[in-house]
Each structure stands twice: as structure tokens, then as C-alpha cells.
């Protein structure tokens, strides 16, 4: 999955479901086999600070604490961690990957995740600059913090957003 032009050569860090990781260049963040989950990639390209939230479920204001599998908790925590590393809140941009409808006979959690995430990003005034979302196929994503590139793999196809 790693493209030959990943600039950083940095450590590849797998971001598990319900986790968030903020990092400085030259880190490379990865999420594998995203179904209805959504990888929320946030970046401040000028400061070379970025992060990835592996969101499992839409926001839930009834959940106490900071359960990072929910979009609202995950995104606000990721922004907090990035600012701590030097990111500027007004310079943070987002890219989204995932949110597929994997099981046709059940609730479309992927669609709900996408709607919830976009609502939260809008509230935080974070603009979405690229996305590979929806559909019915699993995706994997690799984010190179140094270059700012986000690489997406769907089946045998590869994209950069």
C-alpha cells in the first residue's frame, strides 16, 4: 500500500479503530480495511503537523467521558492534540476516507458517520479539501505528514486526495 513516493521515510503508525493520533513530520499514519468507519485526516501543512482519527460511530452526546470511537469526541481530541504539537486551529484542513455501506440489509452507519463528521468539522470551521467516501467498498489510507499527501486504496485502485 505504501507508494514509492512517500517522502518522509518516517515510522508508519497504525491507527486502530476508536483511536486518534497526532504527529509531526516525518511520521506516516495508516488505517487499514475501513468499512463503515471513517478516517478523518487533519493537517496543518505549514507547521507539518497532522493527525488521523479512526471514527467508528456518529456523535453521541449521551456518552459520558471521551470515548474516541464517536466522531465528536475523536475530532475534538485530535484537534486538541494537534494544537499541543504546534498546529494553528485556523490552518487545519480535513480529508475524509471511508464511510462505506457494507451490509445492505442493515442501517447505513457509514452515511451517518459522514454526516456527523461533516457537521462537527463545520462547527469547528475546518474545511474538507478532499474525500473518498460512501459506496460499498472497503478502503485503506496512508497519510504522510511531511508531504501532506493522503493515499487511498480501494480494491486494486489507488488515489491521492
Protein backbone atom coordinates (compact mmCIF):
# COMPACT_ATOMS: atom_id res chain seq x y z
CA UNK A 1 0.00 0.00 0.00
CA UNK A 2 2.93 2.36 0.58
CA UNK A 3 3.56 4.39 -2.57
CA UNK A 4 7.15 4.71 -3.72
CA UNK A 5 6.93 8.50 -3.44
CA UNK A 6 6.17 8.73 0.29
CA UNK A 7 8.66 11.47 1.16
CA UNK A 8 9.21 11.10 4.83
CA UNK A 9 10.62 7.65 5.30
CA UNK A 10 9.21 8.06 8.80
CA UNK A 11 7.79 5.44 11.09
CA UNK A 12 4.45 4.02 9.95
CA UNK A 13 1.92 4.18 12.78
CA UNK A 14 -1.28 2.12 12.53
CA UNK A 15 -4.31 3.98 13.89
CA UNK A 16 -6.71 1.40 15.31
CA UNK A 17 -10.49 1.72 15.43
CA UNK A 18 -11.60 4.25 18.01
CA UNK A 19 -8.15 5.82 18.31
CA UNK A 20 -6.66 9.19 17.38
CA UNK A 21 -3.01 10.00 16.78
CA UNK A 22 -1.49 13.43 16.19
CA UNK A 23 2.07 13.61 14.91
CA UNK A 24 4.78 15.82 13.47
CA UNK A 25 6.68 15.10 10.28
CA UNK A 26 8.20 12.67 9.32
CA UNK A 27 5.50 10.35 10.69
CA UNK A 28 3.26 8.30 8.42
CA UNK A 29 -0.20 7.32 9.71
CA UNK A 30 -2.21 4.39 8.38
CA UNK A 31 -5.73 2.93 8.69
CA UNK A 32 -6.44 -0.41 7.08
CA UNK A 33 -9.70 -2.01 5.99
CA UNK A 34 -12.07 0.91 6.56
CA UNK A 35 -15.65 -0.24 6.04
CA UNK A 36 -18.31 1.98 7.59
CA UNK A 37 -15.60 3.60 9.73
CA UNK A 38 -14.16 6.92 8.55
CA UNK A 39 -10.55 8.06 8.66
CA UNK A 40 -10.57 11.77 9.45
CA UNK A 41 -7.21 13.18 8.37
CA UNK A 42 -6.46 16.65 9.72
CA UNK A 43 -3.41 18.66 8.72
CA UNK A 44 -1.70 21.98 9.21
CA UNK A 45 0.65 21.78 6.22
CA UNK A 46 2.56 24.93 7.18
CA UNK A 47 3.54 23.54 10.58
CA UNK A 48 3.96 19.95 9.28
CA UNK A 49 1.59 18.70 11.98
CA UNK A 50 -1.21 16.28 11.25
CA UNK A 51 -3.30 13.53 12.65
CA UNK A 52 -5.77 10.80 11.99
CA UNK A 53 -8.95 9.80 13.82
CA UNK A 54 -10.36 6.32 13.10
CA UNK A 55 -14.05 7.05 13.73
CA UNK A 56 -16.35 4.10 14.28
CA UNK A 57 -19.70 5.72 15.15
CA UNK A 58 -21.54 9.03 14.74
CA UNK A 59 -21.53 11.53 17.59
CA UNK A 60 -23.40 10.61 20.74
CA UNK A 61 -23.93 13.37 23.27
CA UNK A 62 -25.29 10.83 25.76
CA UNK A 63 -21.92 9.10 26.15
CA UNK A 64 -20.02 10.35 29.16
CA UNK A 65 -16.28 10.79 29.06
CA UNK A 66 -14.11 10.86 25.95
CA UNK A 67 -14.93 7.68 24.06
CA UNK A 68 -12.90 8.20 20.89
CA UNK A 69 -14.88 5.77 18.75
CA UNK A 70 -17.53 8.54 18.44
CA UNK A 71 -16.95 11.29 15.87
CA UNK A 72 -17.48 14.27 18.18
CA UNK A 73 -15.08 13.04 20.85
CA UNK A 74 -12.48 11.84 18.32
CA UNK A 75 -12.31 15.03 16.25
CA UNK A 76 -12.17 17.44 19.19
CA UNK A 77 -9.47 15.31 20.83
CA UNK A 78 -7.44 15.16 17.61
CA UNK A 79 -7.59 18.95 17.22
CA UNK A 80 -6.53 19.34 20.87
CA UNK A 81 -3.54 17.03 20.37
CA UNK A 82 -2.50 18.77 17.14
CA UNK A 83 -2.62 22.23 18.73
CA UNK A 84 -0.43 20.89 21.53
CA UNK A 85 2.12 19.90 18.83
CA UNK A 86 2.03 23.40 17.30
CA UNK A 87 -0.85 23.30 14.78
CA UNK A 88 -2.84 26.50 14.29
CA UNK A 89 -6.61 25.91 14.63
CA UNK A 90 -7.43 28.25 11.73
CA UNK A 91 -4.97 26.48 9.41
CA UNK A 92 -6.25 22.92 9.94
CA UNK A 93 -7.84 21.26 6.89
CA UNK A 94 -9.57 17.88 6.63
CA UNK A 95 -9.71 14.95 4.26
CA UNK A 96 -12.13 12.05 4.71
CA UNK A 97 -11.85 8.40 3.69
CA UNK A 98 -14.32 5.55 4.27
CA UNK A 99 -17.93 5.56 5.34
CA UNK A 100 -19.00 2.69 3.08
CA UNK A 101 -22.36 0.94 3.34
CA UNK A 102 -21.04 -2.57 3.86
CA UNK A 103 -24.17 -4.51 4.82
CA UNK A 104 -27.13 -3.70 2.58
CA UNK A 105 -29.82 -5.06 4.89
CA UNK A 106 -28.82 -3.04 7.94
CA UNK A 107 -28.58 0.59 8.98
CA UNK A 108 -26.15 2.71 6.90
CA UNK A 109 -23.68 3.61 9.66
CA UNK A 110 -21.17 4.89 7.10
CA UNK A 111 -23.61 7.54 5.85
CA UNK A 112 -24.41 8.55 9.43
CA UNK A 113 -20.69 8.78 10.25
CA UNK A 114 -20.04 11.03 7.26
CA UNK A 115 -22.95 13.36 8.10
CA UNK A 116 -21.90 13.60 11.75
CA UNK A 117 -18.24 14.24 10.89
CA UNK A 118 -19.08 16.97 8.37
CA UNK A 119 -21.38 18.64 10.92
CA UNK A 120 -18.62 18.66 13.55
CA UNK A 121 -15.97 19.92 11.11
CA UNK A 122 -18.33 22.70 10.01
CA UNK A 123 -18.90 23.71 13.64
CA UNK A 124 -15.12 23.81 14.18
CA UNK A 125 -14.66 25.76 10.91
CA UNK A 126 -12.42 23.06 9.45
CA UNK A 127 -12.76 22.83 5.67
CA UNK A 128 -12.86 19.45 3.91
CA UNK A 129 -10.42 19.61 0.97
CA UNK A 130 -10.66 16.03 -0.28
CA UNK A 131 -12.65 12.86 0.20
CA UNK A 132 -13.16 9.26 -0.93
CA UNK A 133 -16.34 8.36 0.93
CA UNK A 134 -19.50 6.28 0.65
CA UNK A 135 -20.01 3.44 -1.78
CA UNK A 136 -19.82 -0.19 -0.73
CA UNK A 137 -16.10 -0.99 -0.87
CA UNK A 138 -13.54 -1.17 1.91
CA UNK A 139 -10.65 1.29 1.74
CA UNK A 140 -7.23 1.73 3.32
CA UNK A 141 -5.48 5.06 3.83
CA UNK A 142 -1.91 6.22 4.34
CA UNK A 143 -1.13 9.81 5.41
CA UNK A 144 2.39 11.20 5.02
CA UNK A 145 2.63 14.12 7.47
CA UNK A 146 5.77 15.53 5.80
CA UNK A 147 4.36 15.84 2.28
CA UNK A 148 0.74 16.24 3.38
CA UNK A 149 -0.32 13.58 0.86
CA UNK A 150 -3.16 11.18 1.62
CA UNK A 151 -3.05 7.92 -0.34
CA UNK A 152 -6.19 5.80 -0.63
CA UNK A 153 -6.50 2.22 -1.83
CA UNK A 154 -9.87 0.83 -2.98
CA UNK A 155 -9.73 -2.71 -4.36
CA UNK A 156 -6.82 -2.53 -6.80
CA UNK A 157 -7.19 1.22 -7.45
CA UNK A 158 -5.05 3.88 -5.77
CA UNK A 159 -5.88 7.55 -5.36
CA UNK A 160 -4.31 10.64 -3.83
CA UNK A 161 -6.57 13.18 -2.15
